[in-house]
Amino acid sequence: MKDTIEKIRAHALDHFTNAKFSHDWEHTLRVYRLCMHIGRAEGADLDVLAIAAFLHDIGRVHQDLSKGSICHAEKGAEMAREILQQYSLPEEKRGNIIHCILTHRFRNSRVPQTLEAKVLFDADKLDAIGAVGIARAYLFAGEVGAVLHNKDADPESANPYTKDDTGYREYRVKLSKVMDRMLTNEGRRMARERHEFMKGFFERFIKEHEGIL
């Protein structure tokens, strides 16, 4: 299985040549490491998690090019299904991997059902909060041409992929809600600390932006 995982890892890497920095191969590797940590703590199938982690964002470039009209989880699951046909895997593992990819997105109506899907969901969300999450939020804002902050724009109604799709908007509409969506005990434990750090950062950010501090 180790050899198969390494081959799939190399196959996945090929899909990140033109990836945006906010969702690049480094993000995938961080999610993989988080999956291994949470997976061990929760007793999950680490082989399934490794493959799912490496493949989970291979559809991301399609979402970015379409400015959000294509769901990268759905596209990624479709692409992963074709990739996995090249490898000899038990059908149960193959199906679980595809399910993990299909259900890992935060803005998604599909709910993770297997333990492995819950672990991948949590790992992906952990990389969106805390210090790394803040950095990624501003990376993404720069990629779409957003301003640093627009105090006159309502974060809840501002349009994505526009100049008002700021790091603060990402915090308000998504990142501030991540902790309450975690699905595993270890994921929840890790999310609490990251959430508090992030909350304090954005509270200070607003005060500094207003010249209060």
C-alpha atoms as a PDB file:
ATOM      1  CA  MET A   1       0.000   0.000   0.000  1.00  0.00           C
ATOM      2  CA  LYS A   2       2.898   2.357   0.720  1.00  0.00           C
ATOM      3  CA  ASP A   3       4.050   2.166  -2.901  1.00  0.00           C
ATOM      4  CA  THR A   4       0.513   2.857  -4.147  1.00  0.00           C
ATOM      5  CA  ILE A   5       0.182   5.867  -1.860  1.00  0.00           C
ATOM      6  CA  GLU A   6       3.488   7.306  -3.126  1.00  0.00           C
ATOM      7  CA  LYS A   7       2.395   6.902  -6.737  1.00  0.00           C
ATOM      8  CA  ILE A   8      -0.942   8.604  -6.044  1.00  0.00           C
ATOM      9  CA  ARG A   9       0.898  11.372  -4.187  1.00  0.00           C
ATOM     10  CA  ALA A  10       3.053  12.007  -7.266  1.00  0.00           C
ATOM     11  CA  HIS A  11      -0.037  11.901  -9.486  1.00  0.00           C
ATOM     12  CA  ALA A  12      -1.796  14.439  -7.262  1.00  0.00           C
ATOM     13  CA  LEU A  13       1.187  16.795  -7.294  1.00  0.00           C
ATOM     14  CA  ASP A  14       0.890  17.140 -11.061  1.00  0.00           C
ATOM     15  CA  HIS A  15      -2.445  18.941 -10.572  1.00  0.00           C
ATOM     16  CA  PHE A  16      -0.886  21.821  -8.602  1.00  0.00           C
ATOM     17  CA  THR A  17       1.368  23.308 -11.286  1.00  0.00           C
ATOM     18  CA  ASN A  18      -0.898  26.348 -11.695  1.00  0.00           C
ATOM     19  CA  ALA A  19      -2.397  26.370  -8.195  1.00  0.00           C
ATOM     20  CA  LYS A  20      -2.974  29.598  -6.297  1.00  0.00           C
ATOM     21  CA  PHE A  21      -0.755  29.959  -3.251  1.00  0.00           C
ATOM     22  CA  SER A  22      -3.715  29.887  -0.841  1.00  0.00           C
ATOM     23  CA  HIS A  23      -4.591  26.365  -1.993  1.00  0.00           C
ATOM     24  CA  ASP A  24      -1.232  25.079  -3.191  1.00  0.00           C
ATOM     25  CA  TRP A  25       0.624  21.818  -2.600  1.00  0.00           C
ATOM     26  CA  GLU A  26       1.897  23.138   0.744  1.00  0.00           C
ATOM     27  CA  HIS A  27      -1.722  23.365   1.922  1.00  0.00           C
ATOM     28  CA  THR A  28      -2.227  19.759   0.822  1.00  0.00           C
ATOM     29  CA  LEU A  29       0.844  18.633   2.769  1.00  0.00           C
ATOM     30  CA  ARG A  30      -0.336  20.451   5.915  1.00  0.00           C
ATOM     31  CA  VAL A  31      -3.743  18.785   5.596  1.00  0.00           C
ATOM     32  CA  TYR A  32      -2.019  15.426   5.157  1.00  0.00           C
ATOM     33  CA  ARG A  33       0.000  15.921   8.359  1.00  0.00           C
ATOM     34  CA  LEU A  34      -3.126  16.987  10.255  1.00  0.00           C
ATOM     35  CA  CYS A  35      -4.970  13.929   8.912  1.00  0.00           C
ATOM     36  CA  MET A  36      -2.232  11.650  10.180  1.00  0.00           C
ATOM     37  CA  HIS A  37      -2.315  13.277  13.624  1.00  0.00           C
ATOM     38  CA  ILE A  38      -6.103  13.324  14.000  1.00  0.00           C
ATOM     39  CA  GLY A  39      -6.476   9.943  12.309  1.00  0.00           C
ATOM     40  CA  ARG A  40      -4.163   8.265  14.816  1.00  0.00           C
ATOM     41  CA  ALA A  41      -5.966   9.913  17.727  1.00  0.00           C
ATOM     42  CA  GLU A  42      -9.371   8.818  16.403  1.00  0.00           C
ATOM     43  CA  GLY A  43      -8.401   5.329  15.173  1.00  0.00           C
ATOM     44  CA  ALA A  44      -9.091   6.020  11.489  1.00  0.00           C
ATOM     45  CA  ASP A  45      -7.781   4.179   8.410  1.00  0.00           C
ATOM     46  CA  LEU A  46      -4.539   6.050   7.711  1.00  0.00           C
ATOM     47  CA  ASP A  47      -4.147   4.620   4.198  1.00  0.00           C
ATOM     48  CA  VAL A  48      -7.533   5.982   3.147  1.00  0.00           C
ATOM     49  CA  LEU A  49      -6.719   9.310   4.811  1.00  0.00           C
ATOM     50  CA  ALA A  50      -3.333   9.650   3.135  1.00  0.00           C
ATOM     51  CA  ILE A  51      -4.776   9.138  -0.340  1.00  0.00           C
ATOM     52  CA  ALA A  52      -7.804  11.343   0.327  1.00  0.00           C
ATOM     53  CA  ALA A  53      -5.601  14.126   1.714  1.00  0.00           C
ATOM     54  CA  PHE A  54      -3.291  14.107  -1.311  1.00  0.00           C
ATOM     55  CA  LEU A  55      -6.254  14.198  -3.720  1.00  0.00           C
ATOM     56  CA  HIS A  56      -8.713  16.400  -1.837  1.00  0.00           C
ATOM     57  CA  ASP A  57      -7.923  19.671  -3.658  1.00  0.00           C
ATOM     58  CA  ILE A  58      -7.004  18.461  -7.147  1.00  0.00           C
ATOM     59  CA  GLY A  59     -10.170  20.119  -8.462  1.00  0.00           C
ATOM     60  CA  ARG A  60      -9.391  23.486  -6.881  1.00  0.00           C
ATOM     61  CA  VAL A  61      -7.869  25.067  -9.996  1.00  0.00           C
ATOM     62  CA  HIS A  62     -11.182  24.518 -11.796  1.00  0.00           C
ATOM     63  CA  GLN A  63     -13.084  26.355  -9.056  1.00  0.00           C
ATOM     64  CA  ASP A  64     -10.637  29.277  -9.138  1.00  0.00           C
ATOM     65  CA  LEU A  65     -10.761  29.581 -12.927  1.00  0.00           C
ATOM     66  CA  SER A  66     -14.575  29.553 -12.826  1.00  0.00           C
ATOM     67  CA  LYS A  67     -14.592  32.133  -9.982  1.00  0.00           C
ATOM     68  CA  GLY A  68     -16.517  29.760  -7.786  1.00  0.00           C
ATOM     69  CA  SER A  69     -19.135  28.425 -10.203  1.00  0.00           C
ATOM     70  CA  ILE A  70     -17.510  24.962 -10.164  1.00  0.00           C
ATOM     71  CA  CYS A  71     -17.376  23.147  -6.803  1.00  0.00           C
ATOM     72  CA  HIS A  72     -13.834  21.868  -6.328  1.00  0.00           C
ATOM     73  CA  ALA A  73     -15.026  19.048  -4.043  1.00  0.00           C
ATOM     74  CA  GLU A  74     -17.369  17.683  -6.694  1.00  0.00           C
ATOM     75  CA  LYS A  75     -14.830  18.168  -9.480  1.00  0.00           C
ATOM     76  CA  GLY A  76     -12.079  16.662  -7.347  1.00  0.00           C
ATOM     77  CA  ALA A  77     -14.150  13.572  -6.533  1.00  0.00           C
ATOM     78  CA  GLU A  78     -14.830  13.099 -10.238  1.00  0.00           C
ATOM     79  CA  MET A  79     -11.128  13.421 -11.071  1.00  0.00           C
ATOM     80  CA  ALA A  80     -10.110  11.150  -8.177  1.00  0.00           C
ATOM     81  CA  ARG A  81     -12.475   8.436  -9.391  1.00  0.00           C
ATOM     82  CA  GLU A  82     -10.615   8.332 -12.702  1.00  0.00           C
ATOM     83  CA  ILE A  83      -7.189   8.370 -11.033  1.00  0.00           C
ATOM     84  CA  LEU A  84      -8.041   5.579  -8.597  1.00  0.00           C
ATOM     85  CA  GLN A  85      -9.154   3.299 -11.412  1.00  0.00           C
ATOM     86  CA  GLN A  86      -5.462   2.953 -12.256  1.00  0.00           C
ATOM     87  CA  TYR A  87      -4.673   1.348  -8.907  1.00  0.00           C
ATOM     88  CA  SER A  88      -5.645  -1.909  -7.272  1.00  0.00           C
ATOM     89  CA  LEU A  89      -7.580  -0.858  -4.189  1.00  0.00           C
ATOM     90  CA  PRO A  90     -10.363  -2.600  -2.262  1.00  0.00           C
ATOM     91  CA  GLU A  91     -13.680  -1.182  -3.453  1.00  0.00           C
ATOM     92  CA  GLU A  92     -14.636  -0.135   0.078  1.00  0.00           C
ATOM     93  CA  LYS A  93     -11.464   1.962   0.437  1.00  0.00           C
ATOM     94  CA  ARG A  94     -11.890   3.440  -3.031  1.00  0.00           C
ATOM     95  CA  GLY A  95     -15.457   4.491  -2.271  1.00  0.00           C
ATOM     96  CA  ASN A  96     -14.453   5.921   1.092  1.00  0.00           C
ATOM     97  CA  ILE A  97     -11.678   8.006  -0.482  1.00  0.00           C
ATOM     98  CA  ILE A  98     -14.069   9.487  -3.030  1.00  0.00           C
ATOM     99  CA  HIS A  99     -16.619  10.178  -0.289  1.00  0.00           C
ATOM    100  CA  CYS A 100     -13.934  11.952   1.761  1.00  0.00           C
ATOM    101  CA  ILE A 101     -13.080  14.251  -1.149  1.00  0.00           C
ATOM    102  CA  LEU A 102     -16.716  14.912  -2.058  1.00  0.00           C
ATOM    103  CA  THR A 103     -17.688  15.953   1.478  1.00  0.00           C
ATOM    104  CA  HIS A 104     -14.609  17.882   2.664  1.00  0.00           C
ATOM    105  CA  ARG A 105     -15.750  21.359   1.606  1.00  0.00           C
ATOM    106  CA  PHE A 106     -17.078  23.795   4.239  1.00  0.00           C
ATOM    107  CA  ARG A 107     -19.594  25.380   1.860  1.00  0.00           C
ATOM    108  CA  ASN A 108     -21.199  22.083   0.911  1.00  0.00           C
ATOM    109  CA  SER A 109     -24.556  20.425   1.564  1.00  0.00           C
ATOM    110  CA  ARG A 110     -22.942  16.974   1.647  1.00  0.00           C
ATOM    111  CA  VAL A 111     -22.182  15.664   5.134  1.00  0.00           C
ATOM    112  CA  PRO A 112     -19.160  13.443   5.921  1.00  0.00           C
ATOM    113  CA  GLN A 113     -20.455  10.022   6.978  1.00  0.00           C
ATOM    114  CA  THR A 114     -17.337   7.918   7.546  1.00  0.00           C
ATOM    115  CA  LEU A 115     -14.741   8.502  10.246  1.00  0.00           C
ATOM    116  CA  GLU A 116     -12.118   9.154   7.581  1.00  0.00           C
ATOM    117  CA  ALA A 117     -14.314  11.769   5.880  1.00  0.00           C
ATOM    118  CA  LYS A 118     -14.812  13.491   9.234  1.00  0.00           C
ATOM    119  CA  VAL A 119     -11.068  13.512   9.867  1.00  0.00           C
ATOM    120  CA  LEU A 120     -10.310  15.022   6.434  1.00  0.00           C
ATOM    121  CA  PHE A 121     -13.034  17.627   6.932  1.00  0.00           C
ATOM    122  CA  ASP A 122     -11.532  18.635  10.294  1.00  0.00           C
ATOM    123  CA  ALA A 123      -7.960  18.668   8.996  1.00  0.00           C
ATOM    124  CA  ASP A 124      -8.895  20.867   6.043  1.00  0.00           C
ATOM    125  CA  LYS A 125     -10.785  23.256   8.322  1.00  0.00           C
ATOM    126  CA  LEU A 126      -7.970  23.453  10.860  1.00  0.00           C
ATOM    127  CA  ASP A 127      -5.682  24.715   8.105  1.00  0.00           C
ATOM    128  CA  ALA A 128      -8.213  27.506   7.490  1.00  0.00           C
ATOM    129  CA  ILE A 129      -8.082  28.919  11.033  1.00  0.00           C
ATOM    130  CA  GLY A 130      -5.447  30.017  13.514  1.00  0.00           C
ATOM    131  CA  ALA A 131      -2.227  31.718  12.392  1.00  0.00           C
ATOM    132  CA  VAL A 132      -1.994  29.735   9.154  1.00  0.00           C
ATOM    133  CA  GLY A 133      -5.667  30.393   8.430  1.00  0.00           C
ATOM    134  CA  ILE A 134      -5.196  34.152   8.792  1.00  0.00           C
ATOM    135  CA  ALA A 135      -2.205  34.071   6.445  1.00  0.00           C
ATOM    136  CA  ARG A 136      -4.144  32.040   3.892  1.00  0.00           C
ATOM    137  CA  ALA A 137      -7.161  34.362   4.108  1.00  0.00           C
ATOM    138  CA  TYR A 138      -5.004  37.306   3.087  1.00  0.00           C
ATOM    139  CA  LEU A 139      -3.219  35.272   0.423  1.00  0.00           C
ATOM    140  CA  PHE A 140      -6.599  34.479  -1.122  1.00  0.00           C
ATOM    141  CA  ALA A 141      -7.733  38.102  -0.829  1.00  0.00           C
ATOM    142  CA  GLY A 142      -4.634  39.187  -2.731  1.00  0.00           C
ATOM    143  CA  GLU A 143      -5.240  36.559  -5.393  1.00  0.00           C
ATOM    144  CA  VAL A 144      -8.724  37.926  -6.146  1.00  0.00           C
ATOM    145  CA  GLY A 145      -7.629  41.572  -5.954  1.00  0.00           C
ATOM    146  CA  ALA A 146      -9.362  42.448  -2.701  1.00  0.00           C
ATOM    147  CA  VAL A 147      -8.513  45.525  -0.635  1.00  0.00           C
ATOM    148  CA  LEU A 148      -7.045  45.207   2.850  1.00  0.00           C
ATOM    149  CA  HIS A 149     -10.357  46.126   4.488  1.00  0.00           C
ATOM    150  CA  ASN A 150     -13.533  47.995   3.554  1.00  0.00           C
ATOM    151  CA  LYS A 151     -15.397  49.091   6.658  1.00  0.00           C
ATOM    152  CA  ASP A 152     -18.363  50.239   4.553  1.00  0.00           C
ATOM    153  CA  ALA A 153     -18.915  46.815   2.970  1.00  0.00           C
ATOM    154  CA  ASP A 154     -21.175  44.346   4.771  1.00  0.00           C
ATOM    155  CA  PRO A 155     -19.115  41.132   4.960  1.00  0.00           C
ATOM    156  CA  GLU A 156     -22.248  38.991   4.853  1.00  0.00           C
ATOM    157  CA  SER A 157     -23.476  40.466   1.574  1.00  0.00           C
ATOM    158  CA  ALA A 158     -20.175  41.267  -0.179  1.00  0.00           C
ATOM    159  CA  ASN A 159     -19.595  39.223  -3.296  1.00  0.00           C
ATOM    160  CA  PRO A 160     -16.834  36.592  -3.416  1.00  0.00           C
ATOM    161  CA  TYR A 161     -13.951  36.987  -5.881  1.00  0.00           C
ATOM    162  CA  THR A 162     -14.294  40.812  -5.808  1.00  0.00           C
ATOM    163  CA  LYS A 163     -12.357  43.687  -4.208  1.00  0.00           C
ATOM    164  CA  ASP A 164     -14.540  43.270  -1.105  1.00  0.00           C
ATOM    165  CA  ASP A 165     -13.640  39.596  -0.654  1.00  0.00           C
ATOM    166  CA  THR A 166     -11.191  40.573   2.079  1.00  0.00           C
ATOM    167  CA  GLY A 167      -9.450  38.575   4.770  1.00  0.00           C
ATOM    168  CA  TYR A 168     -11.874  40.032   7.304  1.00  0.00           C
ATOM    169  CA  ARG A 169     -14.851  38.990   5.166  1.00  0.00           C
ATOM    170  CA  GLU A 170     -13.489  35.445   5.053  1.00  0.00           C
ATOM    171  CA  TYR A 171     -13.229  35.492   8.847  1.00  0.00           C
ATOM    172  CA  ARG A 172     -16.785  36.751   9.308  1.00  0.00           C
ATOM    173  CA  VAL A 173     -18.544  34.487   6.818  1.00  0.00           C
ATOM    174  CA  LYS A 174     -16.493  31.324   7.304  1.00  0.00           C
ATOM    175  CA  LEU A 175     -13.516  31.184   9.641  1.00  0.00           C
ATOM    176  CA  SER A 176     -15.363  32.394  12.751  1.00  0.00           C
ATOM    177  CA  LYS A 177     -17.824  29.509  12.311  1.00  0.00           C
ATOM    178  CA  VAL A 178     -15.352  26.710  11.693  1.00  0.00           C
ATOM    179  CA  MET A 179     -14.832  25.701  15.337  1.00  0.00           C
ATOM    180  CA  ASP A 180     -18.521  24.854  15.750  1.00  0.00           C
ATOM    181  CA  ARG A 181     -18.469  22.622  12.662  1.00  0.00           C
ATOM    182  CA  MET A 182     -15.683  20.277  13.773  1.00  0.00           C
ATOM    183  CA  LEU A 183     -16.610  16.587  13.744  1.00  0.00           C
ATOM    184  CA  THR A 184     -13.953  14.740  15.776  1.00  0.00           C
ATOM    185  CA  ASN A 185     -12.853  15.069  19.396  1.00  0.00           C
ATOM    186  CA  GLU A 186      -9.226  15.815  18.474  1.00  0.00           C
ATOM    187  CA  GLY A 187     -10.310  18.246  15.782  1.00  0.00           C
ATOM    188  CA  ARG A 188     -12.472  20.144  18.259  1.00  0.00           C
ATOM    189  CA  ARG A 189      -9.645  20.267  20.792  1.00  0.00           C
ATOM    190  CA  MET A 190      -7.217  21.710  18.256  1.00  0.00           C
ATOM    191  CA  ALA A 191      -9.785  24.130  16.836  1.00  0.00           C
ATOM    192  CA  ARG A 192     -10.493  25.815  20.158  1.00  0.00           C
ATOM    193  CA  GLU A 193      -6.969  27.189  20.537  1.00  0.00           C
ATOM    194  CA  ARG A 194      -6.698  28.219  16.895  1.00  0.00           C
ATOM    195  CA  HIS A 195     -10.078  29.940  17.092  1.00  0.00           C
ATOM    196  CA  GLU A 196      -9.145  32.024  20.125  1.00  0.00           C
ATOM    197  CA  PHE A 197      -5.891  33.165  18.505  1.00  0.00           C
ATOM    198  CA  MET A 198      -7.710  34.122  15.313  1.00  0.00           C
ATOM    199  CA  LYS A 199     -10.514  35.910  17.167  1.00  0.00           C
ATOM    200  CA  GLY A 200      -7.989  38.035  19.055  1.00  0.00           C
ATOM    201  CA  PHE A 201      -6.130  38.875  15.852  1.00  0.00           C
ATOM    202  CA  PHE A 202      -9.189  40.169  14.016  1.00  0.00           C
ATOM    203  CA  GLU A 203     -10.414  42.138  17.031  1.00  0.00           C
ATOM    204  CA  ARG A 204      -7.063  43.902  17.115  1.00  0.00           C
ATOM    205  CA  PHE A 205      -6.988  44.260  13.325  1.00  0.00           C
ATOM    206  CA  ILE A 206     -10.226  46.259  13.330  1.00  0.00           C
ATOM    207  CA  LYS A 207      -8.993  48.507  16.148  1.00  0.00           C
ATOM    208  CA  GLU A 208      -5.687  49.157  14.400  1.00  0.00           C
ATOM    209  CA  HIS A 209      -7.465  49.829  11.104  1.00  0.00           C
ATOM    210  CA  GLU A 210      -9.649  52.406  12.864  1.00  0.00           C
ATOM    211  CA  GLY A 211      -6.624  53.962  14.571  1.00  0.00           C
ATOM    212  CA  ILE A 212      -7.812  52.996  18.052  1.00  0.00           C
ATOM    213  CA  LEU A 213      -4.586  51.132  18.850  1.00  0.00           C
END
